[in-house]
Amino acid sequence: MHSILGANGIIGEELAKVLQADYGKAIRLVGRHPLKVNPDDELMVADLLVKDDVIKALKHTDIAFLTVGLPFRSDIWLRDWVRIMENVIEGCKKHSCKLVYFDNTYIFAQHRTVQNEQSPVMPSGKKGEGKLRALKLLLNAIDQGQIEAIICRAPEFYGPGKTKSITNAMIFDAIRKEKKVRVFLRDDVKRTLIYTPDASRATALLAHTPDAYGQTWHLPCDDQRMTYKEFIAEIGHQLGRKIDYQVLGMAAIKGLALVSNNMKETMELMPRYGVDNLFESNKFKKRFPEFEVTEYAKGIEQIIRDFGLS
């Protein structure tokens, strides 16, 4: 049995598809309001902030996948990531199941230095601090031999379906809703994005690779990084029309933050949009040379098809 904790986000859903299609695994989807992805999925209602719920959810589990997403608020991330990680570690210890933790890059400094598995952790905001506290708990549990676990780290998403990210929201969703496309700070710096189906396929592959445990892995991305100017131009090329867009400067962003809580919560991420974002996944690619990474042009093509853009 494989249990996905936080099952109905985009990574959880894609994982459920991959685990059944490629590995033939029985899947338990765990969350406050879980919904089936595959016809045979087992559903379990649970609150990951409640230890007894987590322990119950992980009964008879071989591998647990922690893919939960929290509301995008700093106070919640500081408070709840630690509680969730404590509960999941206890559940894995109780049932002797392995853990695959899907992490992001908020723990890294927001400058152009290449981000790899050895990069120093220097979170610059409260959300990053919340993620770092949870990560330290997990690393300590791994080092002490309490559980077997893998840390799978991904940069910003782009992708089809219900993928949520700044890139999806400000570009693809805007095009779909016939609104103005906008990007933050600069359109001429390189961005590393991960295609969400690739992130889930790679996570499932690592979970079924025994010698991958006890390590951190950066999930595979197309190394031919694009600027937003190039990314939007490729969308326009595939749609057969020019996509006009606006680059929001810091003054405009601060103004929006005064009236939008979501923009206010996004402010701590702004530095990464002013410099090249260089996420490196060479370790994964060397270990799994047969893994096919979706090129940006192909990913854009599939999103256009999935969203019905024209």
Protein backbone atom coordinates (compact mmCIF):
# COMPACT_ATOMS: atom_id res chain seq x y z
CA MET A 1 0.00 0.00 0.00
CA HIS A 2 1.21 3.50 -0.91
CA SER A 3 -0.35 6.42 0.97
CA ILE A 4 -0.33 9.96 -0.42
CA LEU A 5 -0.67 12.55 2.34
CA GLY A 6 -2.19 15.66 0.85
CA ALA A 7 -3.52 13.77 -2.12
CA ASN A 8 -5.53 16.19 -4.21
CA GLY A 9 -2.95 18.79 -5.13
CA ILE A 10 -1.40 18.50 -8.58
CA ILE A 11 1.62 16.47 -7.39
CA GLY A 12 -0.54 14.10 -5.36
CA GLU A 13 -2.90 13.55 -8.28
CA GLU A 14 -0.12 12.97 -10.80
CA LEU A 15 1.61 10.62 -8.34
CA ALA A 16 -1.57 8.58 -7.95
CA LYS A 17 -1.76 8.16 -11.73
CA VAL A 18 1.89 7.17 -12.07
CA LEU A 19 1.95 4.79 -9.12
CA GLN A 20 -0.97 2.80 -10.47
CA ALA A 21 -0.07 2.93 -14.17
CA ASP A 22 3.67 2.27 -13.88
CA TYR A 23 3.99 0.36 -10.60
CA GLY A 24 0.59 -1.29 -10.13
CA LYS A 25 0.37 -0.13 -6.52
CA ALA A 26 -2.67 0.02 -4.26
CA ILE A 27 -3.10 3.66 -3.33
CA ARG A 28 -4.61 5.37 -0.31
CA LEU A 29 -5.42 9.05 -0.76
CA VAL A 30 -5.33 10.93 2.52
CA GLY A 31 -6.65 14.40 3.19
CA ARG A 32 -9.45 16.45 4.65
CA HIS A 33 -11.55 16.02 1.51
CA PRO A 34 -9.87 13.31 -0.60
CA LEU A 35 -11.20 12.51 -4.06
CA LYS A 36 -10.43 9.47 -6.18
CA VAL A 37 -7.91 9.81 -8.99
CA ASN A 38 -8.04 6.14 -10.05
CA PRO A 39 -11.20 4.01 -9.77
CA ASP A 40 -9.66 1.68 -7.18
CA ASP A 41 -8.15 4.34 -4.91
CA GLU A 42 -8.87 4.03 -1.20
CA LEU A 43 -9.94 7.28 0.43
CA MET A 44 -9.21 8.24 4.03
CA VAL A 45 -10.30 11.47 5.66
CA ALA A 46 -7.60 12.76 7.98
CA ASP A 47 -6.14 15.97 9.36
CA LEU A 48 -2.35 15.87 9.14
CA LEU A 49 -2.19 18.23 12.13
CA VAL A 50 -3.69 15.47 14.29
CA LYS A 51 -1.15 12.78 15.18
CA ASP A 52 -3.69 10.02 15.69
CA ASP A 53 -5.17 10.73 12.25
CA VAL A 54 -1.76 10.39 10.63
CA ILE A 55 -0.93 7.19 12.49
CA LYS A 56 -4.25 5.69 11.44
CA ALA A 57 -3.77 6.83 7.84
CA LEU A 58 -0.38 5.12 7.56
CA LYS A 59 -1.52 1.70 8.80
CA HIS A 60 -0.38 -1.07 6.40
CA THR A 61 1.56 1.53 4.36
CA ASP A 62 4.83 0.60 2.67
CA ILE A 63 5.70 4.06 1.34
CA ALA A 64 4.16 7.37 2.40
CA PHE A 65 4.35 10.41 0.12
CA LEU A 66 4.09 13.80 1.83
CA THR A 67 2.83 16.17 -0.86
CA VAL A 68 0.48 18.37 1.16
CA GLY A 69 0.14 22.03 0.32
CA LEU A 70 -0.69 24.59 3.01
CA PRO A 71 -2.54 27.89 2.63
CA PHE A 72 -0.09 30.49 1.37
CA ARG A 73 0.33 32.34 4.67
CA SER A 74 3.55 32.77 6.60
CA ASP A 75 1.99 32.28 10.03
CA ILE A 76 0.50 28.94 8.95
CA TRP A 77 3.77 27.74 7.41
CA LEU A 78 5.75 28.62 10.54
CA ARG A 79 3.27 26.84 12.79
CA ASP A 80 1.98 23.87 10.79
CA TRP A 81 4.91 22.50 8.79
CA VAL A 82 6.68 21.44 11.98
CA ARG A 83 3.54 19.86 13.42
CA ILE A 84 2.83 17.96 10.21
CA MET A 85 6.39 16.68 9.94
CA GLU A 86 6.42 15.57 13.58
CA ASN A 87 3.18 13.63 13.05
CA VAL A 88 4.32 12.03 9.79
CA ILE A 89 7.63 10.94 11.30
CA GLU A 90 5.77 9.37 14.23
CA GLY A 91 3.39 7.60 11.87
CA CYS A 92 6.23 6.22 9.77
CA LYS A 93 8.06 5.03 12.88
CA LYS A 94 4.91 3.37 14.20
CA HIS A 95 4.26 1.41 11.01
CA SER A 96 7.86 1.02 9.77
CA CYS A 97 7.00 2.66 6.46
CA LYS A 98 9.28 4.68 4.23
CA LEU A 99 8.73 8.40 3.63
CA VAL A 100 9.09 10.40 0.42
CA TYR A 101 8.98 14.13 1.19
CA PHE A 102 8.20 16.52 -1.67
CA ASP A 103 9.98 19.79 -0.87
CA ASN A 104 10.48 23.16 -2.57
CA THR A 105 13.34 25.68 -2.82
CA TYR A 106 12.19 28.22 -0.24
CA ILE A 107 15.10 27.24 2.04
CA PHE A 108 17.65 28.63 -0.44
CA ALA A 109 19.01 32.14 -0.78
CA GLN A 110 17.28 34.09 -3.53
CA HIS A 111 20.24 34.97 -5.72
CA ARG A 112 21.70 33.62 -8.95
CA THR A 113 24.01 31.03 -7.34
CA VAL A 114 23.31 27.53 -8.67
CA GLN A 115 20.99 25.54 -6.38
CA ASN A 116 22.07 21.92 -5.97
CA GLU A 117 21.86 19.32 -3.22
CA GLN A 118 24.92 20.78 -1.47
CA SER A 119 23.79 24.41 -1.52
CA PRO A 120 23.70 26.14 1.87
CA VAL A 121 20.27 26.80 3.33
CA MET A 122 19.54 30.49 3.83
CA PRO A 123 15.79 31.17 3.86
CA SER A 124 14.94 34.83 3.50
CA GLY A 125 11.32 34.72 4.64
CA LYS A 126 8.99 33.14 7.15
CA LYS A 127 7.70 30.52 4.72
CA GLY A 128 11.25 29.39 4.04
CA GLU A 129 11.94 29.30 7.77
CA GLY A 130 8.89 27.09 8.31
CA LYS A 131 10.07 24.69 5.63
CA LEU A 132 13.59 24.66 7.08
CA ARG A 133 12.35 23.75 10.56
CA ALA A 134 10.40 20.81 9.11
CA LEU A 135 13.39 19.74 7.02
CA LYS A 136 15.67 19.72 10.04
CA LEU A 137 13.26 17.42 11.88
CA LEU A 138 13.28 14.98 8.98
CA LEU A 139 17.05 15.07 8.50
CA ASN A 140 17.51 14.40 12.20
CA ALA A 141 15.14 11.41 12.03
CA ILE A 142 17.07 10.06 9.02
CA ASP A 143 20.46 10.58 10.68
CA GLN A 144 19.31 8.80 13.83
CA GLY A 145 17.98 5.85 11.84
CA GLN A 146 14.41 6.40 12.99
CA ILE A 147 12.93 6.19 9.47
CA GLU A 148 13.99 5.63 5.87
CA ALA A 149 13.23 8.71 3.81
CA ILE A 150 13.94 10.58 0.60
CA ILE A 151 13.78 14.35 0.09
CA CYS A 152 12.61 15.28 -3.41
CA ARG A 153 13.08 18.97 -4.15
CA ALA A 154 11.52 20.92 -7.00
CA PRO A 155 11.67 24.53 -8.19
CA GLU A 156 8.62 26.49 -9.34
CA PHE A 157 5.99 24.51 -11.23
CA TYR A 158 4.48 24.92 -14.64
CA GLY A 159 2.09 22.37 -16.03
CA PRO A 160 -1.40 21.29 -17.06
CA GLY A 161 -4.47 20.52 -15.00
CA LYS A 162 -4.73 22.21 -11.61
CA THR A 163 -1.06 23.18 -11.43
CA LYS A 164 -0.71 26.20 -9.15
CA SER A 165 2.27 28.50 -9.48
CA ILE A 166 3.10 32.12 -10.20
CA THR A 167 3.99 31.24 -13.79
CA ASN A 168 0.75 29.36 -14.39
CA ALA A 169 -1.35 32.05 -12.71
CA MET A 170 0.22 35.10 -14.36
CA ILE A 171 0.72 33.64 -17.83
CA PHE A 172 -1.41 30.61 -18.75
CA ASP A 173 -4.40 31.43 -16.56
CA ALA A 174 -4.32 35.03 -17.75
CA ILE A 175 -4.35 33.94 -21.39
CA ARG A 176 -7.19 31.52 -20.71
CA LYS A 177 -9.22 34.27 -19.00
CA GLU A 178 -8.27 36.83 -21.68
CA LYS A 179 -6.58 39.03 -19.10
CA LYS A 180 -3.30 40.91 -19.24
CA VAL A 181 -0.23 38.69 -18.92
CA ARG A 182 2.17 39.96 -16.28
CA VAL A 183 5.58 38.96 -14.96
CA PHE A 184 7.50 40.12 -11.92
CA LEU A 185 10.47 42.51 -12.02
CA ARG A 186 12.32 41.34 -15.16
CA ASP A 187 11.65 39.38 -18.32
CA ASP A 188 15.31 38.88 -19.26
CA VAL A 189 16.59 36.58 -16.50
CA LYS A 190 16.68 32.79 -16.77
CA ARG A 191 14.06 30.79 -14.91
CA THR A 192 14.20 27.12 -13.97
CA LEU A 193 10.72 25.60 -13.99
CA ILE A 194 9.69 21.98 -13.52
CA TYR A 195 6.90 20.39 -15.51
CA THR A 196 4.52 18.89 -12.94
CA PRO A 197 4.07 15.47 -14.59
CA ASP A 198 7.88 15.14 -14.70
CA ALA A 199 8.09 16.02 -10.99
CA SER A 200 5.64 13.26 -10.10
CA ARG A 201 7.21 10.64 -12.40
CA ALA A 202 10.64 11.36 -10.95
CA THR A 203 9.34 11.22 -7.37
CA ALA A 204 7.73 7.83 -8.01
CA LEU A 205 10.93 6.56 -9.59
CA LEU A 206 13.03 7.62 -6.61
CA ALA A 207 10.56 6.05 -4.21
CA HIS A 208 11.07 2.69 -5.94
CA THR A 209 14.87 2.94 -6.01
CA PRO A 210 16.21 1.40 -2.77
CA ASP A 211 19.61 3.08 -2.92
CA ALA A 212 18.01 6.53 -3.28
CA TYR A 213 16.89 6.59 0.36
CA GLY A 214 18.73 8.65 2.94
CA GLN A 215 19.46 11.33 0.34
CA THR A 216 18.19 14.61 -1.09
CA TRP A 217 17.43 14.68 -4.81
CA HIS A 218 16.77 17.67 -7.03
CA LEU A 219 14.06 16.65 -9.48
CA PRO A 220 14.82 16.88 -13.20
CA CYS A 221 14.20 20.05 -15.23
CA ASP A 222 15.01 21.12 -18.77
CA ASP A 223 18.45 22.75 -18.55
CA GLN A 224 17.73 24.97 -21.57
CA ARG A 225 16.30 27.59 -19.26
CA MET A 226 14.19 30.36 -20.75
CA THR A 227 13.61 33.94 -19.74
CA TYR A 228 9.99 34.97 -19.38
CA LYS A 229 10.41 36.94 -22.61
CA GLU A 230 11.44 33.74 -24.40
CA PHE A 231 8.81 31.64 -22.60
CA ILE A 232 5.96 33.98 -23.59
CA ALA A 233 7.33 34.25 -27.13
CA GLU A 234 7.21 30.43 -27.42
CA ILE A 235 3.59 30.44 -26.27
CA GLY A 236 2.82 33.09 -28.87
CA HIS A 237 4.62 31.09 -31.55
CA GLN A 238 2.55 28.01 -30.79
CA LEU A 239 -0.68 30.02 -30.67
CA GLY A 240 0.18 31.84 -33.89
CA ARG A 241 -0.17 35.29 -32.36
CA LYS A 242 1.81 37.81 -30.34
CA ILE A 243 1.23 37.72 -26.58
CA ASP A 244 1.47 41.18 -25.07
CA TYR A 245 2.59 41.35 -21.47
CA GLN A 246 3.57 43.77 -18.73
CA VAL A 247 6.63 43.65 -16.49
CA LEU A 248 5.61 44.72 -12.99
CA GLY A 249 8.25 46.77 -11.21
CA MET A 250 8.72 46.74 -7.46
CA ALA A 251 6.71 49.92 -6.93
CA ALA A 252 3.70 48.38 -8.68
CA ILE A 253 4.12 45.12 -6.77
CA LYS A 254 4.23 46.94 -3.43
CA GLY A 255 1.10 48.83 -4.42
CA LEU A 256 -0.71 45.59 -5.19
CA ALA A 257 0.45 44.14 -1.87
CA LEU A 258 -1.43 46.91 -0.07
CA VAL A 259 -4.76 45.65 -1.45
CA SER A 260 -4.09 41.94 -2.05
CA ASN A 261 -3.25 39.55 0.77
CA ASN A 262 -1.98 36.99 -1.73
CA MET A 263 0.44 39.52 -3.20
CA LYS A 264 1.48 40.55 0.30
CA GLU A 265 2.30 36.91 1.08
CA THR A 266 4.25 36.66 -2.19
CA MET A 267 6.51 39.62 -1.42
CA GLU A 268 9.16 37.51 0.32
CA LEU A 269 9.70 35.60 -2.94
CA MET A 270 10.32 38.70 -5.06
CA PRO A 271 14.14 38.64 -5.04
CA ARG A 272 14.18 35.38 -7.03
CA TYR A 273 12.37 37.10 -9.92
CA GLY A 274 15.06 39.73 -10.31
CA VAL A 275 17.94 37.31 -10.96
CA ASP A 276 18.68 34.11 -12.86
CA ASN A 277 17.06 31.17 -11.07
CA LEU A 278 19.49 28.27 -11.60
CA PHE A 279 18.16 25.03 -10.13
CA GLU A 280 20.43 22.07 -10.95
CA SER A 281 19.36 18.42 -11.22
CA ASN A 282 22.57 16.80 -12.48
CA LYS A 283 22.64 14.24 -9.68
CA PHE A 284 19.29 12.81 -10.75
CA LYS A 285 20.15 12.87 -14.45
CA LYS A 286 23.42 11.05 -13.86
CA ARG A 287 21.70 8.36 -11.76
CA PHE A 288 18.73 7.98 -14.14
CA PRO A 289 20.04 8.79 -17.64
CA GLU A 290 17.03 7.09 -19.25
CA PHE A 291 14.54 9.52 -17.68
CA GLU A 292 13.02 11.75 -20.38
CA VAL A 293 12.74 15.34 -19.24
CA THR A 294 10.01 17.37 -20.93
CA GLU A 295 11.48 20.27 -22.89
CA TYR A 296 9.87 23.66 -22.30
CA ALA A 297 8.42 23.88 -25.81
CA LYS A 298 6.79 20.45 -25.40
CA GLY A 299 5.46 21.33 -21.96
CA ILE A 300 3.97 24.55 -23.29
CA GLU A 301 2.37 22.61 -26.15
CA GLN A 302 0.73 20.19 -23.75
CA ILE A 303 -0.54 22.99 -21.47
CA ILE A 304 -2.03 24.82 -24.45
CA ARG A 305 -3.84 21.64 -25.45
CA ASP A 306 -4.99 20.86 -21.91
CA PHE A 307 -6.24 24.43 -21.29
CA GLY A 308 -7.91 24.70 -24.69
CA LEU A 309 -6.07 27.93 -25.45
CA SER A 310 -6.37 29.58 -28.84
